[in-house]
PDB file of N, CA and C in Angstrom:
ATOM      1  N   MET A   1      31.124  71.005  99.933  1.00  0.00           N
ATOM      2  CA  MET A   1      31.688  70.411  98.719  1.00  0.00           C
ATOM      3  C   MET A   1      32.682  69.324  99.120  1.00  0.00           C
ATOM      4  N   LYS A   2      32.604  68.190  98.455  1.00  0.00           N
ATOM      5  CA  LYS A   2      33.522  67.086  98.737  1.00  0.00           C
ATOM      6  C   LYS A   2      34.931  67.471  98.339  1.00  0.00           C
ATOM      7  N   ALA A   3      35.916  66.939  99.072  1.00  0.00           N
ATOM      8  CA  ALA A   3      37.314  67.286  98.831  1.00  0.00           C
ATOM      9  C   ALA A   3      37.754  66.944  97.412  1.00  0.00           C
ATOM     10  N   GLU A   4      37.312  65.816  96.886  1.00  0.00           N
ATOM     11  CA  GLU A   4      37.771  65.398  95.558  1.00  0.00           C
ATOM     12  C   GLU A   4      37.237  66.278  94.436  1.00  0.00           C
ATOM     13  N   ASN A   5      36.271  67.143  94.732  1.00  0.00           N
ATOM     14  CA  ASN A   5      35.680  68.011  93.717  1.00  0.00           C
ATOM     15  C   ASN A   5      36.312  69.403  93.660  1.00  0.00           C
ATOM     16  N   VAL A   6      37.412  69.612  94.368  1.00  0.00           N
ATOM     17  CA  VAL A   6      38.047  70.926  94.378  1.00  0.00           C
ATOM     18  C   VAL A   6      39.433  70.843  93.747  1.00  0.00           C
ATOM     19  N   SER A   7      39.877  71.960  93.207  1.00  0.00           N
ATOM     20  CA  SER A   7      41.208  72.010  92.626  1.00  0.00           C
ATOM     21  C   SER A   7      42.246  72.081  93.742  1.00  0.00           C
ATOM     22  N   PHE A   8      43.493  71.885  93.371  1.00  0.00           N
ATOM     23  CA  PHE A   8      44.587  71.982  94.333  1.00  0.00           C
ATOM     24  C   PHE A   8      44.580  73.369  94.985  1.00  0.00           C
ATOM     25  N   GLU A   9      44.432  74.396  94.167  1.00  0.00           N
ATOM     26  CA  GLU A   9      44.465  75.764  94.668  1.00  0.00           C
ATOM     27  C   GLU A   9      43.305  76.052  95.621  1.00  0.00           C
ATOM     28  N   GLN A  10      42.122  75.554  95.278  1.00  0.00           N
ATOM     29  CA  GLN A  10      40.961  75.731  96.149  1.00  0.00           C
ATOM     30  C   GLN A  10      41.173  75.005  97.474  1.00  0.00           C
ATOM     31  N   ALA A  11      41.722  73.806  97.398  1.00  0.00           N
ATOM     32  CA  ALA A  11      41.965  73.020  98.605  1.00  0.00           C
ATOM     33  C   ALA A  11      42.979  73.718  99.507  1.00  0.00           C
ATOM     34  N   MET A  12      44.044  74.244  98.909  1.00  0.00           N
ATOM     35  CA  MET A  12      45.056  74.945  99.700  1.00  0.00           C
ATOM     36  C   MET A  12      44.466  76.193 100.353  1.00  0.00           C
ATOM     37  N   ASP A  13      43.654  76.931  99.615  1.00  0.00           N
ATOM     38  CA  ASP A  13      43.031  78.132 100.150  1.00  0.00           C
ATOM     39  C   ASP A  13      42.137  77.792 101.337  1.00  0.00           C
ATOM     40  N   GLU A  14      41.307  76.769 101.160  1.00  0.00           N
ATOM     41  CA  GLU A  14      40.410  76.368 102.252  1.00  0.00           C
ATOM     42  C   GLU A  14      41.204  75.850 103.444  1.00  0.00           C
ATOM     43  N   LEU A  15      42.249  75.102 103.179  1.00  0.00           N
ATOM     44  CA  LEU A  15      43.094  74.565 104.254  1.00  0.00           C
ATOM     45  C   LEU A  15      43.752  75.698 105.045  1.00  0.00           C
ATOM     46  N   GLU A  16      44.202  76.728 104.366  1.00  0.00           N
ATOM     47  CA  GLU A  16      44.790  77.884 105.053  1.00  0.00           C
ATOM     48  C   GLU A  16      43.763  78.581 105.934  1.00  0.00           C
ATOM     49  N   LYS A  17      42.536  78.696 105.454  1.00  0.00           N
ATOM     50  CA  LYS A  17      41.478  79.331 106.238  1.00  0.00           C
ATOM     51  C   LYS A  17      41.142  78.502 107.473  1.00  0.00           C
ATOM     52  N   ILE A  18      41.069  77.193 107.299  1.00  0.00           N
ATOM     53  CA  ILE A  18      40.782  76.297 108.430  1.00  0.00           C
ATOM     54  C   ILE A  18      41.886  76.410 109.466  1.00  0.00           C
ATOM     55  N   THR A  19      43.127  76.386 109.011  1.00  0.00           N
ATOM     56  CA  THR A  19      44.269  76.472 109.920  1.00  0.00           C
ATOM     57  C   THR A  19      44.236  77.772 110.711  1.00  0.00           C
ATOM     58  N   ALA A  20      43.998  78.878 110.032  1.00  0.00           N
ATOM     59  CA  ALA A  20      43.950  80.178 110.707  1.00  0.00           C
ATOM     60  C   ALA A  20      42.830  80.205 111.748  1.00  0.00           C
ATOM     61  N   ARG A  21      41.685  79.657 111.380  1.00  0.00           N
ATOM     62  CA  ARG A  21      40.535  79.648 112.296  1.00  0.00           C
ATOM     63  C   ARG A  21      40.827  78.811 113.537  1.00  0.00           C
ATOM     64  N   LEU A  22      41.434  77.636 113.323  1.00  0.00           N
ATOM     65  CA  LEU A  22      41.740  76.766 114.466  1.00  0.00           C
ATOM     66  C   LEU A  22      42.827  77.367 115.347  1.00  0.00           C
ATOM     67  N   GLU A  23      43.764  78.082 114.737  1.00  0.00           N
ATOM     68  CA  GLU A  23      44.832  78.708 115.519  1.00  0.00           C
ATOM     69  C   GLU A  23      44.310  79.834 116.405  1.00  0.00           C
ATOM     70  N   GLU A  24      43.199  80.457 116.019  1.00  0.00           N
ATOM     71  CA  GLU A  24      42.605  81.514 116.836  1.00  0.00           C
ATOM     72  C   GLU A  24      42.151  80.967 118.185  1.00  0.00           C
ATOM     73  N   GLY A  25      41.697  79.726 118.201  1.00  0.00           N
ATOM     74  CA  GLY A  25      41.320  79.089 119.448  1.00  0.00           C
ATOM     75  C   GLY A  25      39.909  79.383 119.931  1.00  0.00           C
ATOM     76  N   ASP A  26      39.125  80.142 119.185  1.00  0.00           N
ATOM     77  CA  ASP A  26      37.775  80.499 119.618  1.00  0.00           C
ATOM     78  C   ASP A  26      36.703  79.616 119.006  1.00  0.00           C
ATOM     79  N   VAL A  27      37.088  78.438 118.539  1.00  0.00           N
ATOM     80  CA  VAL A  27      36.150  77.546 117.864  1.00  0.00           C
ATOM     81  C   VAL A  27      35.638  76.517 118.878  1.00  0.00           C
ATOM     82  N   PRO A  28      34.328  76.347 118.965  1.00  0.00           N
ATOM     83  CA  PRO A  28      33.782  75.320 119.867  1.00  0.00           C
ATOM     84  C   PRO A  28      34.356  73.937 119.512  1.00  0.00           C
ATOM     85  N   LEU A  29      34.492  73.095 120.494  1.00  0.00           N
ATOM     86  CA  LEU A  29      35.144  71.795 120.335  1.00  0.00           C
ATOM     87  C   LEU A  29      34.566  70.972 119.192  1.00  0.00           C
ATOM     88  N   GLU A  30      33.254  70.813 119.138  1.00  0.00           N
ATOM     89  CA  GLU A  30      32.644  69.989 118.092  1.00  0.00           C
ATOM     90  C   GLU A  30      32.931  70.563 116.709  1.00  0.00           C
ATOM     91  N   GLU A  31      32.857  71.869 116.607  1.00  0.00           N
ATOM     92  CA  GLU A  31      33.125  72.532 115.333  1.00  0.00           C
ATOM     93  C   GLU A  31      34.611  72.402 114.968  1.00  0.00           C
ATOM     94  N   ALA A  32      35.469  72.503 115.963  1.00  0.00           N
ATOM     95  CA  ALA A  32      36.909  72.350 115.733  1.00  0.00           C
ATOM     96  C   ALA A  32      37.232  70.952 115.215  1.00  0.00           C
ATOM     97  N   LEU A  33      36.560  69.947 115.754  1.00  0.00           N
ATOM     98  CA  LEU A  33      36.772  68.576 115.279  1.00  0.00           C
ATOM     99  C   LEU A  33      36.346  68.426 113.829  1.00  0.00           C
ATOM    100  N   GLU A  34      35.215  69.021 113.469  1.00  0.00           N
ATOM    101  CA  GLU A  34      34.754  68.957 112.079  1.00  0.00           C
ATOM    102  C   GLU A  34      35.716  69.694 111.152  1.00  0.00           C
ATOM    103  N   GLU A  35      36.188  70.852 111.590  1.00  0.00           N
ATOM    104  CA  GLU A  35      37.153  71.611 110.801  1.00  0.00           C
ATOM    105  C   GLU A  35      38.448  70.810 110.628  1.00  0.00           C
ATOM    106  N   TYR A  36      38.885  70.172 111.691  1.00  0.00           N
ATOM    107  CA  TYR A  36      40.106  69.367 111.639  1.00  0.00           C
ATOM    108  C   TYR A  36      39.944  68.212 110.645  1.00  0.00           C
ATOM    109  N   LYS A  37      38.802  67.538 110.696  1.00  0.00           N
ATOM    110  CA  LYS A  37      38.531  66.437 109.756  1.00  0.00           C
ATOM    111  C   LYS A  37      38.566  66.940 108.319  1.00  0.00           C
ATOM    112  N   ARG A  38      37.926  68.077 108.073  1.00  0.00           N
ATOM    113  CA  ARG A  38      37.921  68.658 106.729  1.00  0.00           C
ATOM    114  C   ARG A  38      39.351  69.013 106.308  1.00  0.00           C
ATOM    115  N   GLY A  39      40.105  69.561 107.217  1.00  0.00           N
ATOM    116  CA  GLY A  39      41.497  69.896 106.932  1.00  0.00           C
ATOM    117  C   GLY A  39      42.316  68.669 106.565  1.00  0.00           C
ATOM    118  N   MET A  40      42.079  67.571 107.246  1.00  0.00           N
ATOM    119  CA  MET A  40      42.801  66.328 106.939  1.00  0.00           C
ATOM    120  C   MET A  40      42.409  65.805 105.559  1.00  0.00           C
ATOM    121  N   GLU A  41      41.132  65.902 105.201  1.00  0.00           N
ATOM    122  CA  GLU A  41      40.680  65.507 103.857  1.00  0.00           C
ATOM    123  C   GLU A  41      41.385  66.346 102.792  1.00  0.00           C
ATOM    124  N   LEU A  42      41.416  67.647 103.018  1.00  0.00           N
ATOM    125  CA  LEU A  42      42.045  68.553 102.055  1.00  0.00           C
ATOM    126  C   LEU A  42      43.539  68.314 101.955  1.00  0.00           C
ATOM    127  N   SER A  43      44.167  68.054 103.086  1.00  0.00           N
ATOM    128  CA  SER A  43      45.599  67.769 103.094  1.00  0.00           C
ATOM    129  C   SER A  43      45.902  66.507 102.285  1.00  0.00           C
ATOM    130  N   ALA A  44      45.108  65.472 102.477  1.00  0.00           N
ATOM    131  CA  ALA A  44      45.295  64.228 101.727  1.00  0.00           C
ATOM    132  C   ALA A  44      45.067  64.461 100.236  1.00  0.00           C
ATOM    133  N   LEU A  45      44.069  65.267  99.904  1.00  0.00           N
ATOM    134  CA  LEU A  45      43.797  65.585  98.507  1.00  0.00           C
ATOM    135  C   LEU A  45      44.983  66.313  97.877  1.00  0.00           C
ATOM    136  N   CYS A  46      45.512  67.303  98.565  1.00  0.00           N
ATOM    137  CA  CYS A  46      46.664  68.052  98.051  1.00  0.00           C
ATOM    138  C   CYS A  46      47.862  67.127  97.856  1.00  0.00           C
ATOM    139  N   HIS A  47      48.105  66.277  98.827  1.00  0.00           N
ATOM    140  CA  HIS A  47      49.221  65.337  98.718  1.00  0.00           C
ATOM    141  C   HIS A  47      49.041  64.435  97.496  1.00  0.00           C
ATOM    142  N   SER A  48      47.845  63.930  97.311  1.00  0.00           N
ATOM    143  CA  SER A  48      47.558  63.052  96.181  1.00  0.00           C
ATOM    144  C   SER A  48      47.755  63.780  94.855  1.00  0.00           C
ATOM    145  N   LYS A  49      47.255  65.013  94.766  1.00  0.00           N
ATOM    146  CA  LYS A  49      47.404  65.781  93.531  1.00  0.00           C
ATOM    147  C   LYS A  49      48.875  66.101  93.247  1.00  0.00           C
ATOM    148  N   LEU A  50      49.644  66.389  94.278  1.00  0.00           N
ATOM    149  CA  LEU A  50      51.070  66.659  94.089  1.00  0.00           C
ATOM    150  C   LEU A  50      51.812  65.416  93.618  1.00  0.00           C
ATOM    151  N   LYS A  51      51.500  64.269  94.193  1.00  0.00           N
ATOM    152  CA  LYS A  51      52.149  63.014  93.777  1.00  0.00           C
ATOM    153  C   LYS A  51      51.806  62.696  92.326  1.00  0.00           C
ATOM    154  N   LYS A  52      50.548  62.914  91.951  1.00  0.00           N
ATOM    155  CA  LYS A  52      50.136  62.658  90.578  1.00  0.00           C
ATOM    156  C   LYS A  52      50.874  63.582  89.619  1.00  0.00           C
ATOM    157  N   ALA A  53      50.978  64.852  89.970  1.00  0.00           N
ATOM    158  CA  ALA A  53      51.692  65.810  89.121  1.00  0.00           C
ATOM    159  C   ALA A  53      53.169  65.440  89.015  1.00  0.00           C
ATOM    160  N   GLU A  54      53.760  65.009  90.101  1.00  0.00           N
ATOM    161  CA  GLU A  54      55.161  64.582  90.109  1.00  0.00           C
ATOM    162  C   GLU A  54      55.368  63.396  89.176  1.00  0.00           C
ATOM    163  N   THR A  55      54.471  62.430  89.227  1.00  0.00           N
ATOM    164  CA  THR A  55      54.558  61.251  88.368  1.00  0.00           C
ATOM    165  C   THR A  55      54.419  61.639  86.904  1.00  0.00           C
ATOM    166  N   GLU A  56      53.451  62.503  86.606  1.00  0.00           N
ATOM    167  CA  GLU A  56      53.261  62.947  85.221  1.00  0.00           C
ATOM    168  C   GLU A  56      54.471  63.721  84.717  1.00  0.00           C
ATOM    169  N   LEU A  57      55.037  64.562  85.559  1.00  0.00           N
ATOM    170  CA  LEU A  57      56.216  65.327  85.172  1.00  0.00           C
ATOM    171  C   LEU A  57      57.400  64.404  84.912  1.00  0.00           C
ATOM    172  N   ALA A  58      57.569  63.406  85.755  1.00  0.00           N
ATOM    173  CA  ALA A  58      58.658  62.449  85.566  1.00  0.00           C
ATOM    174  C   ALA A  58      58.507  61.721  84.237  1.00  0.00           C
ATOM    175  N   LYS A  59      57.294  61.349  83.866  1.00  0.00           N
ATOM    176  CA  LYS A  59      57.059  60.677  82.589  1.00  0.00           C
ATOM    177  C   LYS A  59      57.375  61.601  81.418  1.00  0.00           C
ATOM    178  N   LEU A  60      56.983  62.857  81.523  1.00  0.00           N
ATOM    179  CA  LEU A  60      57.253  63.813  80.455  1.00  0.00           C
ATOM    180  C   LEU A  60      58.742  64.036  80.258  1.00  0.00           C
ATOM    181  N   VAL A  61      59.448  64.188  81.338  1.00  0.00           N
ATOM    182  CA  VAL A  61      60.882  64.452  81.252  1.00  0.00           C
ATOM    183  C   VAL A  61      61.604  63.246  80.660  1.00  0.00           C
ATOM    184  N   THR A  62      61.284  62.038  81.099  1.00  0.00           N
ATOM    185  CA  THR A  62      61.977  60.861  80.605  1.00  0.00           C
ATOM    186  C   THR A  62      61.575  60.520  79.184  1.00  0.00           C
ATOM    187  N   SER A  63      60.358  60.835  78.769  1.00  0.00           N
ATOM    188  CA  SER A  63      59.936  60.497  77.414  1.00  0.00           C
ATOM    189  C   SER A  63      60.652  61.365  76.375  1.00  0.00           C
ATOM    190  N   ASP A  64      61.169  62.500  76.772  1.00  0.00           N
ATOM    191  CA  ASP A  64      61.914  63.365  75.864  1.00  0.00           C
ATOM    192  C   ASP A  64      63.399  63.011  75.804  1.00  0.00           C
ATOM    193  N   GLY A  65      63.798  62.000  76.539  1.00  0.00           N
ATOM    194  CA  GLY A  65      65.189  61.574  76.520  1.00  0.00           C
ATOM    195  C   GLY A  65      66.071  62.295  77.512  1.00  0.00           C
ATOM    196  N   ASP A  66      65.505  63.214  78.269  1.00  0.00           N
ATOM    197  CA  ASP A  66      66.276  63.902  79.294  1.00  0.00           C
ATOM    198  C   ASP A  66      66.459  62.990  80.494  1.00  0.00           C
ATOM    199  N   GLN A  67      67.279  63.432  81.418  1.00  0.00           N
ATOM    200  CA  GLN A  67      67.468  62.642  82.632  1.00  0.00           C
ATOM    201  C   GLN A  67      66.150  62.548  83.386  1.00  0.00           C
ATOM    202  N   PRO A  68      65.930  61.430  84.057  1.00  0.00           N
ATOM    203  CA  PRO A  68      64.697  61.287  84.834  1.00  0.00           C
ATOM    204  C   PRO A  68      64.589  62.398  85.879  1.00  0.00           C
ATOM    205  N   PHE A  69      63.397  62.817  86.139  1.00  0.00           N
ATOM    206  CA  PHE A  69      63.126  63.836  87.147  1.00  0.00           C
ATOM    207  C   PHE A  69      63.453  63.285  88.521  1.00  0.00           C
ATOM    208  N   ARG A  70      64.190  64.063  89.306  1.00  0.00           N
ATOM    209  CA  ARG A  70      64.516  63.663  90.679  1.00  0.00           C
ATOM    210  C   ARG A  70      64.188  64.809  91.612  1.00  0.00           C
ATOM    211  N   LEU A  71      63.708  64.483  92.780  1.00  0.00           N
ATOM    212  CA  LEU A  71      63.489  65.480  93.802  1.00  0.00           C
ATOM    213  C   LEU A  71      64.814  65.835  94.444  1.00  0.00           C
ATOM    214  N   ASP A  72      64.942  67.042  94.944  1.00  0.00           N
ATOM    215  CA  ASP A  72      66.162  67.429  95.656  1.00  0.00           C
ATOM    216  C   ASP A  72      66.426  66.429  96.767  1.00  0.00           C
ATOM    217  N   GLY A  73      67.651  66.041  96.896  1.00  0.00           N
ATOM    218  CA  GLY A  73      68.032  65.125  97.964  1.00  0.00           C
ATOM    219  C   GLY A  73      67.988  63.661  97.569  1.00  0.00           C
ATOM    220  N   GLU A  74      67.432  63.339  96.425  1.00  0.00           N
ATOM    221  CA  GLU A  74      67.408  61.939  95.976  1.00  0.00           C
ATOM    222  C   GLU A  74      68.717  61.622  95.260  1.00  0.00           C
ATOM    223  N   ASP A  75      69.179  60.408  95.393  1.00  0.00           N
ATOM    224  CA  ASP A  75      70.399  59.974  94.712  1.00  0.00           C
ATOM    225  C   ASP A  75      70.138  59.847  93.224  1.00  0.00           C
ATOM    226  N   ALA A  76      71.184  60.067  92.465  1.00  0.00           N
ATOM    227  CA  ALA A  76      71.084  59.970  90.988  1.00  0.00           C
ATOM    228  C   ALA A  76      70.963  58.541  90.539  1.00  0.00           C
TER     229      ALA A  76
END
């Protein structure tokens, strides 16, 4: 299944499984490379979905007249 066709939760679950498998160290090199590539796709997908959710949340908060949404550590 292509990375863009999975939900955030599905991507995280698959990424955790890939990570655990690679950490075991018993994966043949070629297979490990394919798993790593898939993991990078899923990681990028998760990052993209999180950024999109952050942007949508910021719009919702500001449209209600509340203070703009800020991440911890950002200046006011």
